[in-house]
Amino acid sequence: LTCKDMVRRRAEHNNSEIFSLEELSLHQQNIEKLENLDKWCRHLKTLYLQNNLISRIENVNRLKKLEYLNLALNNIENSAIYTFL
């Protein structure tokens, strides 16, 4: 599955409308990289990404309405954390 397919599947409670999602849970999906999430989910306030394979924090700063982000239990490089902060 592509990241977009995973997002759409998680948006079933929202009639599969991903553009208006405010909360998204993509934990334990073996995700390695976030791509284009900012283009599909512009209203996202809460994002759960724990227990994936993410090594770098990328493009999260483009989620302008994001208030909560959970990246626990990923393989994030130390240098990526300092860049994000």
N, C-alpha and C. Protein backbone atom coordinates (compact mmCIF):
# COMPACT_ATOMS: atom_id res chain seq x y z
N LEU A 1 0.83 -1.19 0.00
CA LEU A 1 0.00 0.00 0.00
C LEU A 1 0.87 1.25 0.00
N THR A 2 0.42 2.25 -0.70
CA THR A 2 1.12 3.53 -0.65
C THR A 2 0.66 4.27 0.60
N CYS A 3 1.40 5.29 0.96
CA CYS A 3 1.04 6.09 2.13
C CYS A 3 -0.36 6.68 1.93
N LYS A 4 -0.67 7.12 0.73
CA LYS A 4 -1.99 7.71 0.47
C LYS A 4 -3.09 6.67 0.65
N ASP A 5 -2.86 5.44 0.22
CA ASP A 5 -3.85 4.38 0.41
C ASP A 5 -4.07 4.11 1.90
N MET A 6 -3.00 4.11 2.67
CA MET A 6 -3.12 3.90 4.12
C MET A 6 -3.94 5.01 4.76
N VAL A 7 -3.68 6.24 4.34
CA VAL A 7 -4.41 7.38 4.88
C VAL A 7 -5.89 7.25 4.52
N ARG A 8 -6.18 6.92 3.29
CA ARG A 8 -7.58 6.80 2.85
C ARG A 8 -8.29 5.68 3.62
N ARG A 9 -7.60 4.59 3.85
CA ARG A 9 -8.19 3.47 4.60
C ARG A 9 -8.50 3.89 6.03
N ARG A 10 -7.63 4.69 6.62
CA ARG A 10 -7.84 5.17 7.98
C ARG A 10 -8.92 6.24 8.06
N ALA A 11 -9.31 6.78 6.92
CA ALA A 11 -10.30 7.86 6.88
C ALA A 11 -11.71 7.34 6.61
N GLU A 12 -11.92 6.06 6.79
CA GLU A 12 -13.24 5.48 6.52
C GLU A 12 -14.33 6.16 7.33
N HIS A 13 -14.03 6.53 8.57
CA HIS A 13 -15.01 7.20 9.43
C HIS A 13 -15.36 8.59 8.91
N ASN A 14 -14.56 9.08 7.99
CA ASN A 14 -14.74 10.42 7.42
C ASN A 14 -15.15 10.30 5.95
N ASN A 15 -15.86 9.24 5.60
CA ASN A 15 -16.27 8.96 4.21
C ASN A 15 -15.07 8.92 3.27
N SER A 16 -13.94 8.47 3.79
CA SER A 16 -12.68 8.38 3.04
C SER A 16 -12.20 9.72 2.51
N GLU A 17 -12.68 10.80 3.10
CA GLU A 17 -12.24 12.14 2.72
C GLU A 17 -10.97 12.46 3.51
N ILE A 18 -9.85 12.43 2.84
CA ILE A 18 -8.59 12.65 3.55
C ILE A 18 -8.25 14.13 3.71
N PHE A 19 -8.83 14.98 2.88
CA PHE A 19 -8.45 16.39 2.90
C PHE A 19 -8.93 17.12 4.16
N SER A 20 -10.00 16.63 4.77
CA SER A 20 -10.54 17.31 5.94
C SER A 20 -10.20 16.61 7.26
N LEU A 21 -9.36 15.59 7.21
CA LEU A 21 -8.99 14.87 8.43
C LEU A 21 -8.27 15.79 9.42
N GLU A 22 -8.63 15.67 10.69
CA GLU A 22 -7.94 16.41 11.74
C GLU A 22 -7.08 15.50 12.60
N GLU A 23 -7.39 14.21 12.60
CA GLU A 23 -6.63 13.23 13.38
C GLU A 23 -6.36 12.01 12.52
N LEU A 24 -5.14 11.50 12.61
CA LEU A 24 -4.75 10.36 11.80
C LEU A 24 -3.83 9.44 12.59
N SER A 25 -4.17 8.16 12.59
CA SER A 25 -3.37 7.17 13.28
C SER A 25 -2.77 6.20 12.27
N LEU A 26 -1.45 6.25 12.12
CA LEU A 26 -0.74 5.37 11.20
C LEU A 26 0.34 4.59 11.96
N HIS A 27 0.02 4.17 13.17
CA HIS A 27 1.00 3.43 13.97
C HIS A 27 1.08 1.98 13.50
N GLN A 28 2.26 1.41 13.64
CA GLN A 28 2.54 0.01 13.30
C GLN A 28 2.19 -0.33 11.84
N GLN A 29 2.62 0.52 10.93
CA GLN A 29 2.35 0.30 9.51
C GLN A 29 3.63 0.10 8.69
N ASN A 30 4.77 -0.03 9.36
CA ASN A 30 6.07 -0.19 8.69
C ASN A 30 6.39 0.97 7.75
N ILE A 31 5.95 2.15 8.10
CA ILE A 31 6.22 3.34 7.30
C ILE A 31 7.67 3.74 7.49
N GLU A 32 8.36 3.98 6.39
CA GLU A 32 9.76 4.40 6.43
C GLU A 32 9.91 5.90 6.21
N LYS A 33 8.99 6.47 5.48
CA LYS A 33 9.12 7.88 5.08
C LYS A 33 7.74 8.50 4.90
N LEU A 34 7.61 9.76 5.30
CA LEU A 34 6.37 10.49 5.09
C LEU A 34 6.51 11.34 3.85
N GLU A 35 5.61 11.13 2.93
CA GLU A 35 5.66 11.92 1.70
C GLU A 35 4.27 12.44 1.36
N ASN A 36 4.20 13.70 1.04
CA ASN A 36 2.99 14.35 0.56
C ASN A 36 1.84 14.41 1.55
N LEU A 37 2.08 14.07 2.79
CA LEU A 37 1.02 14.12 3.78
C LEU A 37 0.48 15.54 3.92
N ASP A 38 1.36 16.51 3.79
CA ASP A 38 0.95 17.91 3.89
C ASP A 38 0.04 18.33 2.74
N LYS A 39 0.09 17.63 1.62
CA LYS A 39 -0.76 17.95 0.47
C LYS A 39 -2.13 17.30 0.60
N TRP A 40 -2.18 16.15 1.28
CA TRP A 40 -3.45 15.43 1.40
C TRP A 40 -4.22 15.81 2.65
N CYS A 41 -3.54 16.14 3.71
CA CYS A 41 -4.18 16.35 5.03
C CYS A 41 -3.81 17.71 5.59
N ARG A 42 -4.28 18.74 4.99
CA ARG A 42 -3.88 20.10 5.38
C ARG A 42 -4.45 20.54 6.72
N HIS A 43 -5.50 19.88 7.20
CA HIS A 43 -6.13 20.28 8.46
C HIS A 43 -5.74 19.38 9.63
N LEU A 44 -4.73 18.56 9.42
CA LEU A 44 -4.32 17.59 10.43
C LEU A 44 -3.82 18.28 11.70
N LYS A 45 -4.42 17.91 12.84
CA LYS A 45 -4.01 18.46 14.13
C LYS A 45 -3.27 17.42 14.97
N THR A 46 -3.63 16.15 14.82
CA THR A 46 -3.05 15.08 15.62
C THR A 46 -2.58 13.97 14.70
N LEU A 47 -1.33 13.55 14.87
CA LEU A 47 -0.75 12.52 14.01
C LEU A 47 -0.01 11.49 14.86
N TYR A 48 -0.47 10.25 14.76
CA TYR A 48 0.14 9.14 15.49
C TYR A 48 0.96 8.30 14.52
N LEU A 49 2.26 8.27 14.71
CA LEU A 49 3.16 7.52 13.84
C LEU A 49 4.07 6.58 14.63
N GLN A 50 3.67 6.24 15.84
CA GLN A 50 4.54 5.42 16.67
C GLN A 50 4.70 4.01 16.12
N ASN A 51 5.84 3.43 16.46
CA ASN A 51 6.18 2.05 16.11
C ASN A 51 6.18 1.80 14.60
N ASN A 52 6.91 2.64 13.88
CA ASN A 52 7.13 2.48 12.45
C ASN A 52 8.63 2.35 12.20
N LEU A 53 9.05 2.57 10.99
CA LEU A 53 10.47 2.45 10.61
C LEU A 53 11.05 3.80 10.19
N ILE A 54 10.49 4.87 10.67
CA ILE A 54 10.89 6.22 10.28
C ILE A 54 12.27 6.53 10.86
N SER A 55 13.20 6.96 10.02
CA SER A 55 14.54 7.29 10.49
C SER A 55 14.82 8.80 10.47
N ARG A 56 14.04 9.53 9.69
CA ARG A 56 14.23 10.98 9.59
C ARG A 56 12.88 11.68 9.71
N ILE A 57 12.88 12.83 10.36
CA ILE A 57 11.67 13.62 10.49
C ILE A 57 11.66 14.61 9.33
N GLU A 58 10.83 14.33 8.34
CA GLU A 58 10.81 15.16 7.14
C GLU A 58 9.39 15.64 6.84
N ASN A 59 9.27 16.85 6.39
CA ASN A 59 8.03 17.42 5.89
C ASN A 59 6.95 17.62 6.95
N VAL A 60 7.23 17.32 8.19
CA VAL A 60 6.23 17.50 9.24
C VAL A 60 5.98 18.99 9.48
N ASN A 61 7.00 19.81 9.29
CA ASN A 61 6.84 21.25 9.49
C ASN A 61 5.88 21.87 8.49
N ARG A 62 5.54 21.16 7.44
CA ARG A 62 4.57 21.65 6.46
C ARG A 62 3.12 21.47 6.92
N LEU A 63 2.93 20.67 7.95
CA LEU A 63 1.59 20.46 8.52
C LEU A 63 1.32 21.62 9.47
N LYS A 64 0.83 22.71 8.94
CA LYS A 64 0.73 23.98 9.67
C LYS A 64 -0.20 23.94 10.87
N LYS A 65 -1.20 23.05 10.87
CA LYS A 65 -2.16 23.00 11.98
C LYS A 65 -1.84 21.91 12.99
N LEU A 66 -0.74 21.20 12.79
CA LEU A 66 -0.38 20.08 13.65
C LEU A 66 -0.11 20.55 15.08
N GLU A 67 -0.79 19.92 16.04
CA GLU A 67 -0.62 20.25 17.45
C GLU A 67 0.03 19.11 18.23
N TYR A 68 -0.17 17.87 17.78
CA TYR A 68 0.37 16.72 18.50
C TYR A 68 0.94 15.72 17.51
N LEU A 69 2.16 15.27 17.78
CA LEU A 69 2.84 14.30 16.92
C LEU A 69 3.48 13.24 17.80
N ASN A 70 3.17 11.97 17.54
CA ASN A 70 3.76 10.87 18.30
C ASN A 70 4.65 10.07 17.36
N LEU A 71 5.95 10.10 17.63
CA LEU A 71 6.94 9.37 16.83
C LEU A 71 7.68 8.33 17.68
N ALA A 72 7.09 7.93 18.79
CA ALA A 72 7.74 6.97 19.69
C ALA A 72 8.00 5.65 18.98
N LEU A 73 9.07 4.98 19.39
CA LEU A 73 9.43 3.65 18.88
C LEU A 73 9.69 3.62 17.38
N ASN A 74 10.35 4.65 16.89
CA ASN A 74 10.85 4.68 15.52
C ASN A 74 12.37 4.65 15.59
N ASN A 75 13.02 4.62 14.46
CA ASN A 75 14.48 4.57 14.39
C ASN A 75 15.05 5.92 13.98
N ILE A 76 14.60 6.97 14.63
CA ILE A 76 14.98 8.32 14.24
C ILE A 76 16.42 8.59 14.64
N GLU A 77 17.20 9.09 13.67
CA GLU A 77 18.60 9.44 13.90
C GLU A 77 18.68 10.66 14.81
N ASN A 78 19.68 10.69 15.67
CA ASN A 78 19.85 11.83 16.58
C ASN A 78 19.97 13.15 15.83
N SER A 79 20.70 13.17 14.74
CA SER A 79 20.87 14.41 13.98
C SER A 79 19.54 14.90 13.42
N ALA A 80 18.65 13.98 13.09
CA ALA A 80 17.33 14.35 12.57
C ALA A 80 16.49 15.03 13.64
N ILE A 81 16.65 14.60 14.88
CA ILE A 81 15.90 15.20 15.98
C ILE A 81 16.34 16.64 16.18
N TYR A 82 17.65 16.89 16.17
CA TYR A 82 18.15 18.25 16.36
C TYR A 82 17.75 19.16 15.21
N THR A 83 17.70 18.64 14.02
CA THR A 83 17.27 19.43 12.86
C THR A 83 15.80 19.80 13.00
N PHE A 84 15.00 18.87 13.49
CA PHE A 84 13.57 19.10 13.64
C PHE A 84 13.29 20.15 14.70
N LEU A 85 14.02 20.11 15.80
CA LEU A 85 13.80 21.06 16.89
C LEU A 85 14.25 22.44 16.45
